[in-house]
N, C-alpha and C. Protein backbone atom coordinates (compact mmCIF):
# COMPACT_ATOMS: atom_id res chain seq x y z
N UNK A 1 115.53 102.98 44.90
CA UNK A 1 114.08 102.99 44.88
C UNK A 1 113.63 104.36 44.36
N UNK A 2 112.92 104.36 43.27
CA UNK A 2 112.45 105.62 42.69
C UNK A 2 111.06 105.94 43.21
N UNK A 3 110.71 107.20 43.17
CA UNK A 3 109.38 107.60 43.60
C UNK A 3 109.31 107.90 45.07
N UNK A 4 108.12 107.73 45.62
CA UNK A 4 107.87 108.03 47.02
C UNK A 4 108.60 107.04 47.94
N UNK A 5 109.20 107.55 48.99
CA UNK A 5 109.91 106.70 49.93
C UNK A 5 108.98 105.99 50.90
N UNK A 6 109.50 105.01 51.57
CA UNK A 6 108.74 104.25 52.54
C UNK A 6 109.50 104.26 53.85
N UNK A 7 108.88 104.75 54.92
CA UNK A 7 109.55 104.89 56.21
C UNK A 7 110.02 103.55 56.76
N UNK A 8 109.36 102.45 56.41
CA UNK A 8 109.78 101.15 56.93
C UNK A 8 111.11 100.69 56.37
N UNK A 9 111.39 101.03 55.11
CA UNK A 9 112.63 100.56 54.50
C UNK A 9 113.61 101.69 54.21
N UNK A 10 113.32 102.88 54.69
CA UNK A 10 114.23 104.01 54.53
C UNK A 10 115.48 103.76 55.37
N UNK A 11 116.61 104.36 55.01
CA UNK A 11 117.81 104.21 55.84
C UNK A 11 117.49 104.54 57.30
N UNK A 12 117.84 103.62 58.17
CA UNK A 12 117.55 103.79 59.59
C UNK A 12 116.17 103.30 60.00
N UNK A 13 115.35 102.87 59.03
CA UNK A 13 114.01 102.37 59.31
C UNK A 13 114.05 100.99 59.94
N UNK A 14 112.93 100.55 60.49
CA UNK A 14 112.93 99.28 61.22
C UNK A 14 113.18 98.04 60.38
N UNK A 15 112.89 98.08 59.09
CA UNK A 15 113.06 96.89 58.26
C UNK A 15 114.45 96.77 57.65
N UNK A 16 115.24 97.81 57.72
CA UNK A 16 116.56 97.79 57.08
C UNK A 16 117.43 96.68 57.65
N UNK A 17 117.42 96.48 58.94
CA UNK A 17 118.24 95.44 59.56
C UNK A 17 117.70 94.04 59.27
N UNK A 18 116.44 93.92 58.90
CA UNK A 18 115.83 92.61 58.65
C UNK A 18 116.23 92.01 57.31
N UNK A 19 116.39 92.85 56.30
CA UNK A 19 116.70 92.36 54.94
C UNK A 19 117.90 93.14 54.42
N UNK A 20 118.96 92.41 54.07
CA UNK A 20 120.19 93.07 53.58
C UNK A 20 120.10 93.48 52.12
N UNK A 21 119.44 92.65 51.29
CA UNK A 21 119.39 92.90 49.84
C UNK A 21 117.93 92.85 49.39
N UNK A 22 117.27 94.01 49.38
CA UNK A 22 115.85 94.06 49.04
C UNK A 22 115.55 93.55 47.63
N UNK A 23 116.30 93.92 46.60
CA UNK A 23 115.99 93.38 45.27
C UNK A 23 116.02 91.85 45.25
N UNK A 24 117.02 91.24 45.89
CA UNK A 24 117.10 89.78 45.94
C UNK A 24 115.94 89.21 46.76
N UNK A 25 115.62 89.85 47.85
CA UNK A 25 114.51 89.40 48.70
C UNK A 25 113.21 89.41 47.92
N UNK A 26 112.97 90.44 47.15
CA UNK A 26 111.72 90.56 46.40
C UNK A 26 111.64 89.59 45.22
N UNK A 27 112.78 89.09 44.76
CA UNK A 27 112.81 88.11 43.66
C UNK A 27 112.60 86.68 44.14
N UNK A 28 112.68 86.42 45.44
CA UNK A 28 112.55 85.05 45.94
C UNK A 28 111.13 84.54 45.75
N UNK A 29 111.01 83.22 45.63
CA UNK A 29 109.69 82.60 45.46
C UNK A 29 108.89 82.71 46.75
N UNK A 30 107.59 82.80 46.59
CA UNK A 30 106.71 82.88 47.75
C UNK A 30 106.64 81.51 48.43
N UNK A 31 106.63 81.51 49.74
CA UNK A 31 106.49 80.29 50.55
C UNK A 31 105.01 80.12 50.85
N UNK A 32 104.43 78.99 50.42
CA UNK A 32 102.99 78.77 50.58
C UNK A 32 102.55 78.82 52.04
N UNK A 33 103.35 78.26 52.94
CA UNK A 33 102.98 78.27 54.37
C UNK A 33 102.96 79.70 54.91
N UNK A 34 103.92 80.50 54.49
CA UNK A 34 103.97 81.89 54.94
C UNK A 34 102.78 82.66 54.39
N UNK A 35 102.47 82.47 53.11
CA UNK A 35 101.32 83.15 52.51
C UNK A 35 100.02 82.75 53.21
N UNK A 36 99.88 81.47 53.54
CA UNK A 36 98.67 81.01 54.23
C UNK A 36 98.56 81.67 55.60
N UNK A 37 99.66 81.74 56.34
CA UNK A 37 99.65 82.38 57.65
C UNK A 37 99.32 83.87 57.53
N UNK A 38 99.89 84.54 56.53
CA UNK A 38 99.61 85.96 56.32
C UNK A 38 98.13 86.18 56.00
N UNK A 39 97.58 85.33 55.16
CA UNK A 39 96.16 85.46 54.80
C UNK A 39 95.26 85.24 56.01
N UNK A 40 95.57 84.21 56.82
CA UNK A 40 94.77 83.93 58.01
C UNK A 40 94.80 85.12 58.97
N UNK A 41 95.98 85.62 59.24
CA UNK A 41 96.09 86.73 60.19
C UNK A 41 95.53 88.02 59.61
N UNK A 42 95.56 88.16 58.28
CA UNK A 42 94.94 89.32 57.65
C UNK A 42 93.43 89.28 57.81
N UNK A 43 92.84 88.09 57.71
CA UNK A 43 91.39 87.96 57.87
C UNK A 43 90.97 88.19 59.32
N UNK A 44 91.75 87.68 60.26
CA UNK A 44 91.38 87.80 61.68
C UNK A 44 91.83 89.13 62.28
N UNK A 45 92.67 89.85 61.55
CA UNK A 45 93.23 91.12 62.01
C UNK A 45 94.04 90.95 63.29
N UNK A 46 94.62 89.79 63.46
CA UNK A 46 95.51 89.51 64.59
C UNK A 46 96.95 89.60 64.10
N UNK A 47 97.86 90.06 64.94
CA UNK A 47 99.25 90.15 64.51
C UNK A 47 99.86 88.76 64.31
N UNK A 48 100.81 88.69 63.41
CA UNK A 48 101.52 87.45 63.13
C UNK A 48 102.92 87.60 63.68
N UNK A 49 103.29 86.74 64.59
CA UNK A 49 104.63 86.80 65.17
C UNK A 49 104.74 85.86 66.35
N UNK A 50 105.92 85.84 66.92
CA UNK A 50 106.16 84.98 68.07
C UNK A 50 105.38 85.51 69.28
N UNK A 51 105.18 84.67 70.29
CA UNK A 51 104.50 85.15 71.50
C UNK A 51 105.21 86.36 72.13
N UNK A 52 106.53 86.37 72.10
CA UNK A 52 107.28 87.51 72.66
C UNK A 52 107.00 88.78 71.86
N UNK A 53 106.95 88.66 70.53
CA UNK A 53 106.66 89.82 69.67
C UNK A 53 105.26 90.35 69.97
N UNK A 54 104.29 89.45 70.08
CA UNK A 54 102.91 89.87 70.33
C UNK A 54 102.80 90.54 71.70
N UNK A 55 103.51 90.01 72.69
CA UNK A 55 103.50 90.65 74.02
C UNK A 55 104.07 92.07 73.95
N UNK A 56 105.17 92.24 73.20
CA UNK A 56 105.75 93.59 73.04
C UNK A 56 104.76 94.53 72.37
N UNK A 57 104.05 94.04 71.35
CA UNK A 57 103.08 94.87 70.65
C UNK A 57 101.90 95.22 71.57
N UNK A 58 101.48 94.29 72.42
CA UNK A 58 100.40 94.58 73.36
C UNK A 58 100.80 95.69 74.33
N UNK A 59 102.04 95.66 74.77
CA UNK A 59 102.53 96.72 75.67
C UNK A 59 102.53 98.05 74.93
N UNK A 60 102.99 98.04 73.67
CA UNK A 60 103.06 99.29 72.90
C UNK A 60 101.70 99.90 72.65
N UNK A 61 100.72 99.07 72.29
CA UNK A 61 99.39 99.61 71.95
C UNK A 61 98.46 99.69 73.16
N UNK A 62 98.84 99.06 74.27
CA UNK A 62 98.05 99.15 75.48
C UNK A 62 96.76 98.36 75.48
N UNK A 63 96.72 97.28 74.71
CA UNK A 63 95.53 96.42 74.71
C UNK A 63 95.92 95.00 74.31
N UNK A 64 95.02 94.06 74.57
CA UNK A 64 95.27 92.66 74.25
C UNK A 64 95.09 92.43 72.76
N UNK A 65 96.05 91.75 72.15
CA UNK A 65 95.99 91.44 70.72
C UNK A 65 95.76 89.95 70.48
N UNK A 66 96.01 89.13 71.49
CA UNK A 66 95.82 87.69 71.35
C UNK A 66 94.33 87.37 71.39
N UNK A 67 93.93 86.27 70.75
CA UNK A 67 92.51 85.89 70.81
C UNK A 67 92.09 85.59 72.24
N UNK A 68 90.89 85.96 72.58
CA UNK A 68 90.34 85.66 73.90
C UNK A 68 89.57 84.36 73.87
N UNK A 69 88.89 84.07 74.97
CA UNK A 69 88.06 82.89 75.04
C UNK A 69 86.88 83.05 74.09
N UNK A 70 86.51 81.99 73.36
CA UNK A 70 85.36 82.10 72.46
C UNK A 70 84.05 82.15 73.24
N UNK A 71 83.02 82.63 72.59
CA UNK A 71 81.70 82.65 73.19
C UNK A 71 81.37 84.00 73.80
N UNK A 72 80.13 84.13 74.25
CA UNK A 72 79.71 85.41 74.83
C UNK A 72 80.40 85.65 76.17
N UNK A 73 80.56 86.92 76.47
CA UNK A 73 81.15 87.29 77.75
C UNK A 73 80.10 87.11 78.84
N UNK A 74 80.53 86.72 80.05
CA UNK A 74 79.55 86.56 81.13
C UNK A 74 78.93 87.91 81.50
N UNK A 75 77.68 87.86 81.86
CA UNK A 75 76.99 89.09 82.26
C UNK A 75 77.51 89.52 83.61
N UNK A 76 77.66 90.81 83.77
CA UNK A 76 78.07 91.30 85.09
C UNK A 76 76.83 91.40 85.97
N UNK A 77 77.04 91.26 87.24
CA UNK A 77 75.94 91.32 88.18
C UNK A 77 75.68 92.76 88.54
N UNK A 78 74.61 93.32 88.07
CA UNK A 78 74.25 94.70 88.36
C UNK A 78 73.38 94.73 89.61
N UNK A 79 73.40 95.84 90.36
CA UNK A 79 72.56 95.91 91.58
C UNK A 79 71.10 95.62 91.32
N UNK A 80 70.56 96.00 90.17
CA UNK A 80 69.15 95.77 89.90
C UNK A 80 68.86 94.29 89.62
N UNK A 81 69.88 93.51 89.35
CA UNK A 81 69.69 92.09 89.06
C UNK A 81 69.86 91.20 90.30
N UNK A 82 70.27 91.78 91.41
CA UNK A 82 70.48 91.00 92.62
C UNK A 82 69.13 90.57 93.20
N UNK A 83 69.06 89.35 93.71
CA UNK A 83 67.79 88.93 94.33
C UNK A 83 67.53 89.74 95.60
N UNK A 84 66.29 89.95 95.94
CA UNK A 84 65.97 90.71 97.16
C UNK A 84 66.47 89.97 98.38
N UNK A 85 66.89 90.73 99.39
CA UNK A 85 67.38 90.12 100.63
C UNK A 85 66.37 90.23 101.74
């Protein structure tokens, strides 16, 4: 690889174990289902992966990454909103 290096695919990087032959991998045809999933998750900004992977990422970043319940969040009951007793 000429030019600037990439930490993801550098020797010892996290992607090295995932793909043995990068030139061959990059020459393979695109899978339409994979591209559709990547586009959907790119639009929603949600991670793409197995439930176990997403759980590990939630632990790493310290927040929920899975979609929540749709709709507005319920209002919290503030002291000023309580009915008089």
